[in-house]
């Protein structure tokens, strides 16, 4: 006597369909993560460039500031 309340095992076609759906979802997730990483890399490059420019400004103004401080 079979238990009518027991969960039915999915057919091979149902299992393949579910696997395909999961694969597609995973592919989309990886694509989103890759796009986000590319954007982060771009922002990091901009930040690094800005920090370099600020460092150069500080170096360029360091000597005149020291000169002014020495006069006081």
PDB file of N, CA and C in Angstrom:
ATOM      1  N   UNK A   1       0.845  -1.181   0.000  1.00  0.00           N
ATOM      2  CA  UNK A   1       0.000   0.000   0.000  1.00  0.00           C
ATOM      3  C   UNK A   1       0.892   1.248   0.000  1.00  0.00           C
ATOM      4  N   UNK A   2       0.710   2.111  -0.999  1.00  0.00           N
ATOM      5  CA  UNK A   2       1.524   3.312  -1.115  1.00  0.00           C
ATOM      6  C   UNK A   2       0.932   4.420  -0.266  1.00  0.00           C
ATOM      7  N   UNK A   3       1.804   5.260   0.236  1.00  0.00           N
ATOM      8  CA  UNK A   3       1.382   6.393   1.055  1.00  0.00           C
ATOM      9  C   UNK A   3       1.000   7.544   0.116  1.00  0.00           C
ATOM     10  N   UNK A   4      -0.278   7.937   0.111  1.00  0.00           N
ATOM     11  CA  UNK A   4      -0.750   9.008  -0.757  1.00  0.00           C
ATOM     12  C   UNK A   4      -0.224  10.377  -0.318  1.00  0.00           C
ATOM     13  N   UNK A   5       0.217  10.489   0.902  1.00  0.00           N
ATOM     14  CA  UNK A   5       0.721  11.761   1.417  1.00  0.00           C
ATOM     15  C   UNK A   5       2.214  11.953   1.143  1.00  0.00           C
ATOM     16  N   UNK A   6       2.872  10.914   0.692  1.00  0.00           N
ATOM     17  CA  UNK A   6       4.308  11.006   0.430  1.00  0.00           C
ATOM     18  C   UNK A   6       4.535  11.907  -0.781  1.00  0.00           C
ATOM     19  N   UNK A   7       5.579  12.737  -0.705  1.00  0.00           N
ATOM     20  CA  UNK A   7       5.846  13.620  -1.845  1.00  0.00           C
ATOM     21  C   UNK A   7       6.201  12.808  -3.089  1.00  0.00           C
ATOM     22  N   UNK A   8       5.705  13.250  -4.211  1.00  0.00           N
ATOM     23  CA  UNK A   8       5.955  12.584  -5.484  1.00  0.00           C
ATOM     24  C   UNK A   8       7.349  12.953  -5.979  1.00  0.00           C
ATOM     25  N   UNK A   9       8.076  11.989  -6.457  1.00  0.00           N
ATOM     26  CA  UNK A   9       9.403  12.265  -7.012  1.00  0.00           C
ATOM     27  C   UNK A   9       9.229  12.943  -8.364  1.00  0.00           C
ATOM     28  N   UNK A  10      10.003  14.002  -8.601  1.00  0.00           N
ATOM     29  CA  UNK A  10       9.890  14.677  -9.896  1.00  0.00           C
ATOM     30  C   UNK A  10      10.421  13.791 -11.025  1.00  0.00           C
ATOM     31  N   UNK A  11       9.834  13.977 -12.184  1.00  0.00           N
ATOM     32  CA  UNK A  11      10.297  13.222 -13.350  1.00  0.00           C
ATOM     33  C   UNK A  11      11.643  13.789 -13.792  1.00  0.00           C
ATOM     34  N   UNK A  12      12.315  13.067 -14.668  1.00  0.00           N
ATOM     35  CA  UNK A  12      13.605  13.536 -15.162  1.00  0.00           C
ATOM     36  C   UNK A  12      13.432  14.860 -15.900  1.00  0.00           C
ATOM     37  N   UNK A  13      12.346  15.011 -16.652  1.00  0.00           N
ATOM     38  CA  UNK A  13      12.087  16.268 -17.356  1.00  0.00           C
ATOM     39  C   UNK A  13      11.890  17.424 -16.379  1.00  0.00           C
ATOM     40  N   UNK A  14      11.184  17.173 -15.297  1.00  0.00           N
ATOM     41  CA  UNK A  14      10.981  18.221 -14.283  1.00  0.00           C
ATOM     42  C   UNK A  14      12.299  18.586 -13.620  1.00  0.00           C
ATOM     43  N   UNK A  15      13.102  17.582 -13.357  1.00  0.00           N
ATOM     44  CA  UNK A  15      14.408  17.843 -12.741  1.00  0.00           C
ATOM     45  C   UNK A  15      15.310  18.637 -13.678  1.00  0.00           C
ATOM     46  N   UNK A  16      15.302  18.269 -14.965  1.00  0.00           N
ATOM     47  CA  UNK A  16      16.106  18.999 -15.943  1.00  0.00           C
ATOM     48  C   UNK A  16      15.613  20.438 -16.094  1.00  0.00           C
ATOM     49  N   UNK A  17      14.314  20.643 -16.085  1.00  0.00           N
ATOM     50  CA  UNK A  17      13.746  21.987 -16.185  1.00  0.00           C
ATOM     51  C   UNK A  17      14.174  22.833 -14.984  1.00  0.00           C
ATOM     52  N   UNK A  18      14.107  22.259 -13.808  1.00  0.00           N
ATOM     53  CA  UNK A  18      14.515  22.987 -12.597  1.00  0.00           C
ATOM     54  C   UNK A  18      16.008  23.305 -12.631  1.00  0.00           C
ATOM     55  N   UNK A  19      16.784  22.361 -13.065  1.00  0.00           N
ATOM     56  CA  UNK A  19      18.228  22.572 -13.174  1.00  0.00           C
ATOM     57  C   UNK A  19      18.534  23.682 -14.183  1.00  0.00           C
ATOM     58  N   UNK A  20      17.832  23.682 -15.291  1.00  0.00           N
ATOM     59  CA  UNK A  20      18.016  24.722 -16.309  1.00  0.00           C
ATOM     60  C   UNK A  20      17.655  26.089 -15.744  1.00  0.00           C
ATOM     61  N   UNK A  21      16.555  26.185 -15.023  1.00  0.00           N
ATOM     62  CA  UNK A  21      16.144  27.452 -14.408  1.00  0.00           C
ATOM     63  C   UNK A  21      17.193  27.941 -13.421  1.00  0.00           C
ATOM     64  N   UNK A  22      17.704  27.043 -12.622  1.00  0.00           N
ATOM     65  CA  UNK A  22      18.728  27.418 -11.641  1.00  0.00           C
ATOM     66  C   UNK A  22      20.008  27.859 -12.333  1.00  0.00           C
ATOM     67  N   UNK A  23      20.359  27.177 -13.419  1.00  0.00           N
ATOM     68  CA  UNK A  23      21.549  27.547 -14.182  1.00  0.00           C
ATOM     69  C   UNK A  23      21.391  28.947 -14.766  1.00  0.00           C
ATOM     70  N   UNK A  24      20.224  29.240 -15.327  1.00  0.00           N
ATOM     71  CA  UNK A  24      19.968  30.562 -15.895  1.00  0.00           C
ATOM     72  C   UNK A  24      20.029  31.646 -14.821  1.00  0.00           C
ATOM     73  N   UNK A  25      19.458  31.358 -13.667  1.00  0.00           N
ATOM     74  CA  UNK A  25      19.491  32.328 -12.565  1.00  0.00           C
ATOM     75  C   UNK A  25      20.925  32.564 -12.104  1.00  0.00           C
ATOM     76  N   UNK A  26      21.702  31.514 -12.010  1.00  0.00           N
ATOM     77  CA  UNK A  26      23.099  31.639 -11.597  1.00  0.00           C
ATOM     78  C   UNK A  26      23.900  32.433 -12.633  1.00  0.00           C
ATOM     79  N   UNK A  27      23.639  32.184 -13.903  1.00  0.00           N
ATOM     80  CA  UNK A  27      24.313  32.925 -14.967  1.00  0.00           C
ATOM     81  C   UNK A  27      24.001  34.411 -14.869  1.00  0.00           C
ATOM     82  N   UNK A  28      22.752  34.749 -14.635  1.00  0.00           N
ATOM     83  CA  UNK A  28      22.361  36.154 -14.487  1.00  0.00           C
ATOM     84  C   UNK A  28      23.043  36.785 -13.282  1.00  0.00           C
ATOM     85  N   UNK A  29      23.123  36.044 -12.200  1.00  0.00           N
ATOM     86  CA  UNK A  29      23.772  36.553 -10.995  1.00  0.00           C
ATOM     87  C   UNK A  29      25.249  36.834 -11.249  1.00  0.00           C
ATOM     88  N   UNK A  30      25.923  35.909 -11.919  1.00  0.00           N
ATOM     89  CA  UNK A  30      27.339  36.095 -12.216  1.00  0.00           C
ATOM     90  C   UNK A  30      27.534  37.307 -13.133  1.00  0.00           C
ATOM     91  N   UNK A  31      26.646  37.476 -14.110  1.00  0.00           N
ATOM     92  CA  UNK A  31      26.740  38.628 -15.002  1.00  0.00           C
ATOM     93  C   UNK A  31      26.554  39.936 -14.228  1.00  0.00           C
ATOM     94  N   UNK A  32      25.619  39.956 -13.289  1.00  0.00           N
ATOM     95  CA  UNK A  32      25.406  41.156 -12.468  1.00  0.00           C
ATOM     96  C   UNK A  32      26.619  41.453 -11.595  1.00  0.00           C
ATOM     97  N   UNK A  33      27.185  40.424 -11.007  1.00  0.00           N
ATOM     98  CA  UNK A  33      28.366  40.608 -10.155  1.00  0.00           C
ATOM     99  C   UNK A  33      29.539  41.108 -10.993  1.00  0.00           C
ATOM    100  N   UNK A  34      29.710  40.557 -12.191  1.00  0.00           N
ATOM    101  CA  UNK A  34      30.804  40.981 -13.060  1.00  0.00           C
ATOM    102  C   UNK A  34      30.638  42.449 -13.460  1.00  0.00           C
ATOM    103  N   UNK A  35      29.409  42.854 -13.779  1.00  0.00           N
ATOM    104  CA  UNK A  35      29.161  44.249 -14.145  1.00  0.00           C
ATOM    105  C   UNK A  35      29.425  45.176 -12.965  1.00  0.00           C
ATOM    106  N   UNK A  36      28.992  44.758 -11.777  1.00  0.00           N
ATOM    107  CA  UNK A  36      29.233  45.571 -10.583  1.00  0.00           C
ATOM    108  C   UNK A  36      30.731  45.686 -10.302  1.00  0.00           C
ATOM    109  N   UNK A  37      31.460  44.603 -10.491  1.00  0.00           N
ATOM    110  CA  UNK A  37      32.901  44.631 -10.257  1.00  0.00           C
ATOM    111  C   UNK A  37      33.595  45.558 -11.243  1.00  0.00           C
ATOM    112  N   UNK A  38      33.161  45.542 -12.501  1.00  0.00           N
ATOM    113  CA  UNK A  38      33.750  46.440 -13.493  1.00  0.00           C
ATOM    114  C   UNK A  38      33.505  47.894 -13.105  1.00  0.00           C
ATOM    115  N   UNK A  39      32.303  48.195 -12.622  1.00  0.00           N
ATOM    116  CA  UNK A  39      31.988  49.560 -12.190  1.00  0.00           C
ATOM    117  C   UNK A  39      32.847  49.938 -10.983  1.00  0.00           C
ATOM    118  N   UNK A  40      33.004  49.008 -10.051  1.00  0.00           N
ATOM    119  CA  UNK A  40      33.851  49.281  -8.880  1.00  0.00           C
ATOM    120  C   UNK A  40      35.299  49.515  -9.281  1.00  0.00           C
ATOM    121  N   UNK A  41      35.795  48.739 -10.244  1.00  0.00           N
ATOM    122  CA  UNK A  41      37.163  48.929 -10.729  1.00  0.00           C
ATOM    123  C   UNK A  41      37.320  50.321 -11.345  1.00  0.00           C
ATOM    124  N   UNK A  42      36.303  50.741 -12.100  1.00  0.00           N
ATOM    125  CA  UNK A  42      36.338  52.072 -12.710  1.00  0.00           C
ATOM    126  C   UNK A  42      36.366  53.159 -11.633  1.00  0.00           C
ATOM    127  N   UNK A  43      35.532  53.003 -10.628  1.00  0.00           N
ATOM    128  CA  UNK A  43      35.494  53.990  -9.539  1.00  0.00           C
ATOM    129  C   UNK A  43      36.803  53.997  -8.766  1.00  0.00           C
ATOM    130  N   UNK A  44      37.387  52.830  -8.553  1.00  0.00           N
ATOM    131  CA  UNK A  44      38.663  52.756  -7.840  1.00  0.00           C
ATOM    132  C   UNK A  44      39.750  53.461  -8.635  1.00  0.00           C
ATOM    133  N   UNK A  45      39.727  53.303  -9.949  1.00  0.00           N
ATOM    134  CA  UNK A  45      40.692  53.993 -10.799  1.00  0.00           C
ATOM    135  C   UNK A  45      40.546  55.495 -10.696  1.00  0.00           C
ATOM    136  N   UNK A  46      39.296  55.971 -10.684  1.00  0.00           N
ATOM    137  CA  UNK A  46      39.050  57.407 -10.549  1.00  0.00           C
ATOM    138  C   UNK A  46      39.519  57.906  -9.185  1.00  0.00           C
ATOM    139  N   UNK A  47      39.259  57.129  -8.147  1.00  0.00           N
ATOM    140  CA  UNK A  47      39.677  57.507  -6.798  1.00  0.00           C
ATOM    141  C   UNK A  47      41.201  57.559  -6.698  1.00  0.00           C
ATOM    142  N   UNK A  48      41.857  56.575  -7.275  1.00  0.00           N
ATOM    143  CA  UNK A  48      43.321  56.546  -7.250  1.00  0.00           C
ATOM    144  C   UNK A  48      43.894  57.754  -7.987  1.00  0.00           C
ATOM    145  N   UNK A  49      43.286  58.076  -9.128  1.00  0.00           N
ATOM    146  CA  UNK A  49      43.744  59.234  -9.894  1.00  0.00           C
ATOM    147  C   UNK A  49      43.560  60.526  -9.099  1.00  0.00           C
ATOM    148  N   UNK A  50      42.425  60.656  -8.446  1.00  0.00           N
ATOM    149  CA  UNK A  50      42.159  61.851  -7.632  1.00  0.00           C
ATOM    150  C   UNK A  50      43.139  61.956  -6.471  1.00  0.00           C
ATOM    151  N   UNK A  51      43.412  60.839  -5.824  1.00  0.00           N
ATOM    152  CA  UNK A  51      44.353  60.848  -4.701  1.00  0.00           C
ATOM    153  C   UNK A  51      45.754  61.230  -5.169  1.00  0.00           C
ATOM    154  N   UNK A  52      46.142  60.750  -6.337  1.00  0.00           N
ATOM    155  CA  UNK A  52      47.456  61.098  -6.887  1.00  0.00           C
ATOM    156  C   UNK A  52      47.530  62.594  -7.162  1.00  0.00           C
ATOM    157  N   UNK A  53      46.470  63.136  -7.765  1.00  0.00           N
ATOM    158  CA  UNK A  53      46.452  64.574  -8.053  1.00  0.00           C
ATOM    159  C   UNK A  53      46.503  65.383  -6.758  1.00  0.00           C
ATOM    160  N   UNK A  54      45.749  64.958  -5.749  1.00  0.00           N
ATOM    161  CA  UNK A  54      45.778  65.668  -4.461  1.00  0.00           C
ATOM    162  C   UNK A  54      47.159  65.590  -3.823  1.00  0.00           C
ATOM    163  N   UNK A  55      47.794  64.427  -3.922  1.00  0.00           N
ATOM    164  CA  UNK A  55      49.150  64.285  -3.399  1.00  0.00           C
ATOM    165  C   UNK A  55      50.115  65.223  -4.088  1.00  0.00           C
ATOM    166  N   UNK A  56      49.972  65.365  -5.400  1.00  0.00           N
ATOM    167  CA  UNK A  56      50.835  66.276  -6.152  1.00  0.00           C
ATOM    168  C   UNK A  56      50.589  67.730  -5.749  1.00  0.00           C
ATOM    169  N   UNK A  57      49.335  68.068  -5.501  1.00  0.00           N
ATOM    170  CA  UNK A  57      49.012  69.433  -5.047  1.00  0.00           C
ATOM    171  C   UNK A  57      49.642  69.699  -3.688  1.00  0.00           C
ATOM    172  N   UNK A  58      49.557  68.730  -2.800  1.00  0.00           N
ATOM    173  CA  UNK A  58      50.143  68.893  -1.460  1.00  0.00           C
ATOM    174  C   UNK A  58      51.651  69.091  -1.564  1.00  0.00           C
ATOM    175  N   UNK A  59      52.289  68.274  -2.379  1.00  0.00           N
ATOM    176  CA  UNK A  59      53.742  68.393  -2.550  1.00  0.00           C
ATOM    177  C   UNK A  59      54.104  69.754  -3.137  1.00  0.00           C
ATOM    178  N   UNK A  60      53.326  70.209  -4.126  1.00  0.00           N
ATOM    179  CA  UNK A  60      53.608  71.492  -4.768  1.00  0.00           C
ATOM    180  C   UNK A  60      53.448  72.659  -3.808  1.00  0.00           C
ATOM    181  N   UNK A  61      52.541  72.533  -2.837  1.00  0.00           N
ATOM    182  CA  UNK A  61      52.297  73.638  -1.911  1.00  0.00           C
ATOM    183  C   UNK A  61      53.077  73.513  -0.603  1.00  0.00           C
ATOM    184  N   UNK A  62      53.694  72.382  -0.406  1.00  0.00           N
ATOM    185  CA  UNK A  62      54.416  72.146   0.845  1.00  0.00           C
ATOM    186  C   UNK A  62      55.569  73.135   1.026  1.00  0.00           C
ATOM    187  N   UNK A  63      56.363  73.320   0.003  1.00  0.00           N
ATOM    188  CA  UNK A  63      57.516  74.217   0.113  1.00  0.00           C
ATOM    189  C   UNK A  63      57.089  75.668   0.341  1.00  0.00           C
ATOM    190  N   UNK A  64      56.126  76.193  -0.434  1.00  0.00           N
ATOM    191  CA  UNK A  64      55.706  77.577  -0.155  1.00  0.00           C
ATOM    192  C   UNK A  64      55.120  77.747   1.254  1.00  0.00           C
ATOM    193  N   UNK A  65      54.407  76.755   1.749  1.00  0.00           N
ATOM    194  CA  UNK A  65      53.853  76.845   3.109  1.00  0.00           C
ATOM    195  C   UNK A  65      54.970  76.866   4.132  1.00  0.00           C
ATOM    196  N   UNK A  66      55.965  75.995   3.957  1.00  0.00           N
ATOM    197  CA  UNK A  66      57.102  75.972   4.882  1.00  0.00           C
ATOM    198  C   UNK A  66      57.837  77.318   4.834  1.00  0.00           C
ATOM    199  N   UNK A  67      57.940  77.884   3.660  1.00  0.00           N
ATOM    200  CA  UNK A  67      58.612  79.180   3.507  1.00  0.00           C
ATOM    201  C   UNK A  67      57.844  80.272   4.283  1.00  0.00           C
ATOM    202  N   UNK A  68      56.518  80.255   4.181  1.00  0.00           N
ATOM    203  CA  UNK A  68      55.704  81.221   4.914  1.00  0.00           C
ATOM    204  C   UNK A  68      55.815  81.016   6.413  1.00  0.00           C
ATOM    205  N   UNK A  69      55.848  79.761   6.846  1.00  0.00           N
ATOM    206  CA  UNK A  69      55.973  79.483   8.281  1.00  0.00           C
ATOM    207  C   UNK A  69      57.314  79.949   8.816  1.00  0.00           C
ATOM    208  N   UNK A  70      58.354  79.816   8.022  1.00  0.00           N
ATOM    209  CA  UNK A  70      59.697  80.243   8.447  1.00  0.00           C
ATOM    210  C   UNK A  70      59.773  81.749   8.613  1.00  0.00           C
ATOM    211  N   UNK A  71      58.946  82.497   7.887  1.00  0.00           N
ATOM    212  CA  UNK A  71      58.964  83.957   7.963  1.00  0.00           C
ATOM    213  C   UNK A  71      58.276  84.468   9.227  1.00  0.00           C
ATOM    214  N   UNK A  72      57.472  83.645   9.854  1.00  0.00           N
ATOM    215  CA  UNK A  72      56.740  84.115  11.036  1.00  0.00           C
ATOM    216  C   UNK A  72      57.579  84.096  12.276  1.00  0.00           C
TER     217      UNK A  72
END
